[in-house]
Amino acid sequence: LKRLSLWDALIARRTSREFTREPIALGAVSSILWATFGAVHGPDRSDVDDYGIKSYGYRRTSPSGGSLQTTEPYLVNLTITGLPAGVYHYHSIDHKLTRVDGELPAADLGPLLAGQNFANDLGFAVFMVARFGKMWWKYPHSRSYRVALMDVGHLSQTFHLACTGYGLKT
């Protein structure tokens, strides 16, 4: 990712509906998760101390409404080498995965995604889940939904560009 310019990633990014279930290196997925969801600036917001602002969390590479980082990523692994197939929660601050109980066969992805059966051939998928309880303490009104959707949009763009940097179809 450090060798690819932003411009090159923007130009190369394409939407695909054809996937091959080829094995994907765990190191590549790890870097993509870190670049998108990781606490790349550290576990807290000590950078705001000089301004007399109280820190309530950490920063990712994408903007977040209220700097709350309310979006939680879940990885569905189908072909990542060195990682058992299954569903995992990605911990942003610790940069680690925790397995979620239960199974999700590849053939179930398409029906779960409103009949987008091309998803059955993905190597992996990341589902972004908004934690409204975390957001509502600061924004206790229905406009929180807009902020949550913008957060997912920012993260989605970063994710797609990071995948493009690794030559993966998205």
Foldseek 3Di string as FASTA:
>chain_A
DVVDDLVNLVVQFDADLAAALEEDEPVLVLVLCQLQQALVVAFWPVVCVVVVDDIDTGDHPFDAVVRQSQKWKKKQADHYPPDDGAIWTADRRVSDTDGDDDHDQLQNPCVVVVNSRSSSRDRMDMDIDGDVVSVCVPVVDPCVVVRSVVSVVRSVVSSSSSCVVVVHHD
